[in-house]
Amino acid sequence: MTGLERIITVLIAGFATVLTRFLPFVIFKGKKTPKALDYLGFALPCSVFGMLLVYCLKDTVVTSFPFALPEFLGLAVTSAIYLWKKNTLISIAAGTVFYMFLVQVVF
């Protein structure tokens, strides 16, 4: 892929992202949002985090050392910090740093 192709790809991806973010506001301006769309707004964030959790843990090996200990400790730290601070960004960052510390230094 040439440099120009990369720039075009990034611009198209950026435009598509902006379009999908602002299109609902343009379509439903001054109108009541349909109940089905309200439900999706409520249900999708939880399901996306569930899918991320499954994706992150799918290759975890629990039958040999370290018996998935870094993964589950990282998950526990992430969950505990989220319950304490109620801040998704801080909890994910802290859990990731803790997991990387365990994998690189401890195990």
N, C-alpha and C. Protein backbone atom coordinates (compact mmCIF):
# COMPACT_ATOMS: atom_id res chain seq x y z
N MET A 1 0.86 -1.17 0.00
CA MET A 1 0.00 0.00 0.00
C MET A 1 0.91 1.24 0.00
N THR A 2 0.67 2.13 -0.93
CA THR A 2 1.48 3.34 -1.02
C THR A 2 1.04 4.35 0.04
N GLY A 3 1.83 5.40 0.18
CA GLY A 3 1.51 6.44 1.15
C GLY A 3 0.19 7.12 0.84
N LEU A 4 -0.07 7.37 -0.45
CA LEU A 4 -1.32 8.02 -0.86
C LEU A 4 -2.52 7.12 -0.55
N GLU A 5 -2.37 5.83 -0.80
CA GLU A 5 -3.46 4.89 -0.51
C GLU A 5 -3.75 4.85 0.99
N ARG A 6 -2.72 4.92 1.80
CA ARG A 6 -2.92 4.93 3.26
C ARG A 6 -3.67 6.18 3.70
N ILE A 7 -3.28 7.32 3.14
CA ILE A 7 -3.96 8.58 3.48
C ILE A 7 -5.41 8.52 3.06
N ILE A 8 -5.69 8.02 1.86
CA ILE A 8 -7.07 7.91 1.39
C ILE A 8 -7.86 6.96 2.28
N THR A 9 -7.25 5.86 2.68
CA THR A 9 -7.93 4.89 3.56
C THR A 9 -8.28 5.52 4.90
N VAL A 10 -7.34 6.26 5.49
CA VAL A 10 -7.59 6.91 6.77
C VAL A 10 -8.68 7.96 6.63
N LEU A 11 -8.67 8.73 5.54
CA LEU A 11 -9.70 9.74 5.33
C LEU A 11 -11.08 9.12 5.16
N ILE A 12 -11.17 8.04 4.41
CA ILE A 12 -12.46 7.36 4.23
C ILE A 12 -12.96 6.79 5.55
N ALA A 13 -12.06 6.16 6.32
CA ALA A 13 -12.46 5.60 7.62
C ALA A 13 -12.90 6.72 8.56
N GLY A 14 -12.18 7.83 8.55
CA GLY A 14 -12.57 8.97 9.38
C GLY A 14 -13.91 9.55 8.99
N PHE A 15 -14.13 9.68 7.69
CA PHE A 15 -15.42 10.20 7.21
C PHE A 15 -16.56 9.27 7.59
N ALA A 16 -16.35 7.97 7.43
CA ALA A 16 -17.40 7.00 7.78
C ALA A 16 -17.69 7.05 9.28
N THR A 17 -16.67 7.22 10.09
CA THR A 17 -16.87 7.31 11.54
C THR A 17 -17.66 8.55 11.91
N VAL A 18 -17.28 9.69 11.34
CA VAL A 18 -17.99 10.94 11.62
C VAL A 18 -19.43 10.85 11.13
N LEU A 19 -19.63 10.27 9.95
CA LEU A 19 -20.98 10.14 9.40
C LEU A 19 -21.87 9.29 10.30
N THR A 20 -21.35 8.16 10.78
CA THR A 20 -22.18 7.30 11.62
C THR A 20 -22.43 7.92 12.99
N ARG A 21 -21.56 8.80 13.45
CA ARG A 21 -21.77 9.47 14.74
C ARG A 21 -22.82 10.58 14.65
N PHE A 22 -22.81 11.34 13.56
CA PHE A 22 -23.69 12.49 13.45
C PHE A 22 -25.00 12.23 12.72
N LEU A 23 -25.08 11.16 11.94
CA LEU A 23 -26.28 10.87 11.16
C LEU A 23 -27.53 10.71 12.02
N PRO A 24 -27.48 10.02 13.16
CA PRO A 24 -28.69 9.92 13.98
C PRO A 24 -29.21 11.27 14.46
N PHE A 25 -28.30 12.20 14.76
CA PHE A 25 -28.74 13.53 15.20
C PHE A 25 -29.41 14.29 14.06
N VAL A 26 -28.95 14.07 12.85
CA VAL A 26 -29.56 14.72 11.68
C VAL A 26 -30.92 14.09 11.38
N ILE A 27 -31.00 12.78 11.44
CA ILE A 27 -32.25 12.08 11.11
C ILE A 27 -33.34 12.35 12.14
N PHE A 28 -32.99 12.33 13.43
CA PHE A 28 -33.98 12.44 14.49
C PHE A 28 -34.06 13.84 15.11
N LYS A 29 -33.58 14.82 14.42
CA LYS A 29 -33.61 16.19 14.95
C LYS A 29 -35.06 16.63 15.14
N GLY A 30 -35.41 16.96 16.37
CA GLY A 30 -36.77 17.42 16.67
C GLY A 30 -37.80 16.31 16.77
N LYS A 31 -37.41 15.08 16.58
CA LYS A 31 -38.34 13.95 16.65
C LYS A 31 -38.01 13.10 17.87
N LYS A 32 -39.00 12.31 18.28
CA LYS A 32 -38.78 11.36 19.37
C LYS A 32 -38.04 10.15 18.82
N THR A 33 -37.04 9.69 19.56
CA THR A 33 -36.27 8.52 19.15
C THR A 33 -37.14 7.27 19.29
N PRO A 34 -37.13 6.39 18.28
CA PRO A 34 -37.91 5.15 18.38
C PRO A 34 -37.47 4.30 19.57
N LYS A 35 -38.43 3.55 20.13
CA LYS A 35 -38.14 2.71 21.30
C LYS A 35 -37.08 1.67 21.00
N ALA A 36 -37.10 1.12 19.79
CA ALA A 36 -36.10 0.10 19.43
C ALA A 36 -34.70 0.69 19.46
N LEU A 37 -34.55 1.91 19.01
CA LEU A 37 -33.25 2.57 19.03
C LEU A 37 -32.82 2.92 20.45
N ASP A 38 -33.76 3.32 21.29
CA ASP A 38 -33.45 3.56 22.70
C ASP A 38 -32.97 2.28 23.38
N TYR A 39 -33.62 1.16 23.05
CA TYR A 39 -33.22 -0.12 23.62
C TYR A 39 -31.80 -0.49 23.19
N LEU A 40 -31.49 -0.30 21.89
CA LEU A 40 -30.15 -0.59 21.41
C LEU A 40 -29.11 0.28 22.11
N GLY A 41 -29.44 1.54 22.34
CA GLY A 41 -28.54 2.43 23.06
C GLY A 41 -28.29 1.98 24.48
N PHE A 42 -29.27 1.30 25.05
CA PHE A 42 -29.12 0.78 26.41
C PHE A 42 -28.38 -0.55 26.43
N ALA A 43 -28.70 -1.45 25.48
CA ALA A 43 -28.20 -2.82 25.52
C ALA A 43 -26.84 -3.01 24.86
N LEU A 44 -26.54 -2.26 23.82
CA LEU A 44 -25.30 -2.51 23.08
C LEU A 44 -24.02 -2.26 23.86
N PRO A 45 -23.91 -1.20 24.66
CA PRO A 45 -22.65 -1.04 25.39
C PRO A 45 -22.31 -2.23 26.29
N CYS A 46 -23.29 -2.79 26.95
CA CYS A 46 -23.04 -3.95 27.81
C CYS A 46 -22.63 -5.16 26.97
N SER A 47 -23.28 -5.36 25.85
CA SER A 47 -22.95 -6.52 25.02
C SER A 47 -21.58 -6.35 24.37
N VAL A 48 -21.20 -5.14 24.01
CA VAL A 48 -19.87 -4.91 23.44
C VAL A 48 -18.79 -5.22 24.47
N PHE A 49 -18.98 -4.78 25.72
CA PHE A 49 -18.00 -5.10 26.75
C PHE A 49 -17.96 -6.60 27.03
N GLY A 50 -19.10 -7.26 26.95
CA GLY A 50 -19.12 -8.71 27.11
C GLY A 50 -18.34 -9.41 26.00
N MET A 51 -18.53 -8.94 24.76
CA MET A 51 -17.78 -9.51 23.64
C MET A 51 -16.28 -9.25 23.78
N LEU A 52 -15.91 -8.05 24.25
CA LEU A 52 -14.50 -7.75 24.47
C LEU A 52 -13.90 -8.66 25.53
N LEU A 53 -14.65 -8.93 26.58
CA LEU A 53 -14.18 -9.81 27.63
C LEU A 53 -13.94 -11.22 27.09
N VAL A 54 -14.89 -11.73 26.32
CA VAL A 54 -14.74 -13.06 25.74
C VAL A 54 -13.55 -13.09 24.79
N TYR A 55 -13.41 -12.04 23.96
CA TYR A 55 -12.30 -11.98 23.01
C TYR A 55 -10.95 -11.94 23.73
N CYS A 56 -10.87 -11.18 24.80
CA CYS A 56 -9.60 -11.06 25.53
C CYS A 56 -9.22 -12.35 26.24
N LEU A 57 -10.18 -13.11 26.67
CA LEU A 57 -9.90 -14.32 27.44
C LEU A 57 -9.99 -15.61 26.62
N LYS A 58 -10.24 -15.50 25.32
CA LYS A 58 -10.47 -16.70 24.51
C LYS A 58 -9.26 -17.61 24.38
N ASP A 59 -8.07 -17.06 24.39
CA ASP A 59 -6.86 -17.88 24.25
C ASP A 59 -6.16 -18.14 25.58
N THR A 60 -6.85 -17.93 26.66
CA THR A 60 -6.27 -18.13 27.99
C THR A 60 -6.11 -19.63 28.25
N VAL A 61 -4.91 -19.99 28.69
CA VAL A 61 -4.61 -21.39 29.00
C VAL A 61 -4.69 -21.56 30.51
N VAL A 62 -5.63 -22.39 30.95
CA VAL A 62 -5.81 -22.60 32.39
C VAL A 62 -5.22 -23.92 32.88
N THR A 63 -4.66 -24.71 31.95
CA THR A 63 -4.16 -26.04 32.33
C THR A 63 -2.67 -26.09 32.59
N SER A 64 -1.95 -24.99 32.34
CA SER A 64 -0.51 -24.99 32.61
C SER A 64 -0.11 -23.66 33.24
N PHE A 65 1.09 -23.65 33.84
CA PHE A 65 1.57 -22.46 34.53
C PHE A 65 1.58 -21.28 33.57
N PRO A 66 1.13 -20.12 33.99
CA PRO A 66 0.71 -19.63 35.29
C PRO A 66 -0.79 -19.79 35.54
N PHE A 67 -1.44 -20.71 34.87
CA PHE A 67 -2.84 -21.06 35.11
C PHE A 67 -3.78 -19.86 34.98
N ALA A 68 -3.51 -19.01 34.01
CA ALA A 68 -4.34 -17.83 33.71
C ALA A 68 -4.41 -16.84 34.87
N LEU A 69 -3.46 -16.92 35.76
CA LEU A 69 -3.44 -16.02 36.91
C LEU A 69 -3.28 -14.55 36.51
N PRO A 70 -2.38 -14.20 35.57
CA PRO A 70 -2.27 -12.79 35.20
C PRO A 70 -3.56 -12.23 34.61
N GLU A 71 -4.24 -13.02 33.79
CA GLU A 71 -5.48 -12.57 33.17
C GLU A 71 -6.56 -12.30 34.22
N PHE A 72 -6.72 -13.24 35.13
CA PHE A 72 -7.79 -13.09 36.11
C PHE A 72 -7.45 -12.04 37.17
N LEU A 73 -6.18 -11.89 37.51
CA LEU A 73 -5.80 -10.81 38.42
C LEU A 73 -5.98 -9.45 37.76
N GLY A 74 -5.63 -9.36 36.48
CA GLY A 74 -5.86 -8.12 35.75
C GLY A 74 -7.34 -7.78 35.66
N LEU A 75 -8.15 -8.79 35.43
CA LEU A 75 -9.60 -8.60 35.39
C LEU A 75 -10.12 -8.18 36.76
N ALA A 76 -9.59 -8.77 37.81
CA ALA A 76 -10.03 -8.41 39.17
C ALA A 76 -9.64 -6.97 39.50
N VAL A 77 -8.43 -6.57 39.13
CA VAL A 77 -8.00 -5.19 39.39
C VAL A 77 -8.86 -4.21 38.60
N THR A 78 -9.11 -4.52 37.33
CA THR A 78 -9.95 -3.66 36.51
C THR A 78 -11.34 -3.52 37.11
N SER A 79 -11.92 -4.63 37.52
CA SER A 79 -13.27 -4.60 38.11
C SER A 79 -13.29 -3.84 39.43
N ALA A 80 -12.30 -4.09 40.27
CA ALA A 80 -12.26 -3.42 41.57
C ALA A 80 -12.10 -1.91 41.43
N ILE A 81 -11.23 -1.48 40.52
CA ILE A 81 -11.03 -0.04 40.35
C ILE A 81 -12.27 0.60 39.74
N TYR A 82 -12.94 -0.13 38.83
CA TYR A 82 -14.17 0.44 38.28
C TYR A 82 -15.24 0.58 39.36
N LEU A 83 -15.40 -0.43 40.21
CA LEU A 83 -16.39 -0.35 41.28
C LEU A 83 -16.05 0.75 42.28
N TRP A 84 -14.76 1.01 42.45
CA TRP A 84 -14.31 2.04 43.39
C TRP A 84 -14.45 3.43 42.80
N LYS A 85 -13.95 3.64 41.60
CA LYS A 85 -13.89 4.98 41.01
C LYS A 85 -15.03 5.29 40.04
N LYS A 86 -15.71 4.27 39.53
CA LYS A 86 -16.77 4.43 38.52
C LYS A 86 -16.26 5.17 37.27
N ASN A 87 -15.01 4.88 36.88
CA ASN A 87 -14.40 5.51 35.73
C ASN A 87 -13.83 4.42 34.83
N THR A 88 -14.42 4.24 33.68
CA THR A 88 -14.04 3.17 32.77
C THR A 88 -12.60 3.32 32.30
N LEU A 89 -12.23 4.53 31.90
CA LEU A 89 -10.90 4.75 31.35
C LEU A 89 -9.80 4.44 32.37
N ILE A 90 -9.95 4.93 33.59
CA ILE A 90 -8.95 4.67 34.63
C ILE A 90 -8.88 3.19 34.95
N SER A 91 -10.03 2.53 35.05
CA SER A 91 -10.01 1.12 35.42
C SER A 91 -9.38 0.26 34.33
N ILE A 92 -9.68 0.54 33.07
CA ILE A 92 -9.08 -0.24 31.98
C ILE A 92 -7.58 0.01 31.90
N ALA A 93 -7.18 1.27 32.03
CA ALA A 93 -5.74 1.59 31.98
C ALA A 93 -4.99 0.93 33.13
N ALA A 94 -5.53 1.03 34.34
CA ALA A 94 -4.85 0.43 35.49
C ALA A 94 -4.80 -1.08 35.38
N GLY A 95 -5.88 -1.70 34.95
CA GLY A 95 -5.89 -3.15 34.78
C GLY A 95 -4.92 -3.61 33.71
N THR A 96 -4.80 -2.85 32.64
CA THR A 96 -3.86 -3.19 31.57
C THR A 96 -2.43 -3.06 32.05
N VAL A 97 -2.12 -1.98 32.74
CA VAL A 97 -0.76 -1.79 33.28
C VAL A 97 -0.43 -2.90 34.28
N PHE A 98 -1.37 -3.24 35.14
CA PHE A 98 -1.14 -4.30 36.12
C PHE A 98 -0.92 -5.64 35.43
N TYR A 99 -1.72 -5.95 34.42
CA TYR A 99 -1.57 -7.19 33.67
C TYR A 99 -0.21 -7.24 32.97
N MET A 100 0.18 -6.15 32.33
CA MET A 100 1.47 -6.11 31.64
C MET A 100 2.62 -6.27 32.64
N PHE A 101 2.50 -5.67 33.82
CA PHE A 101 3.50 -5.85 34.86
C PHE A 101 3.61 -7.32 35.25
N LEU A 102 2.47 -7.97 35.46
CA LEU A 102 2.49 -9.39 35.84
C LEU A 102 3.13 -10.25 34.75
N VAL A 103 2.77 -9.99 33.50
CA VAL A 103 3.28 -10.83 32.41
C VAL A 103 4.77 -10.58 32.16
N GLN A 104 5.20 -9.33 32.24
CA GLN A 104 6.59 -9.00 31.91
C GLN A 104 7.56 -9.20 33.07
N VAL A 105 7.12 -8.97 34.30
CA VAL A 105 8.04 -8.97 35.44
C VAL A 105 7.84 -10.19 36.34
N VAL A 106 6.60 -10.49 36.68
CA VAL A 106 6.35 -11.52 37.69
C VAL A 106 6.37 -12.93 37.09
N PHE A 107 5.64 -13.14 36.02
CA PHE A 107 5.53 -14.51 35.46
C PHE A 107 6.44 -14.67 34.29
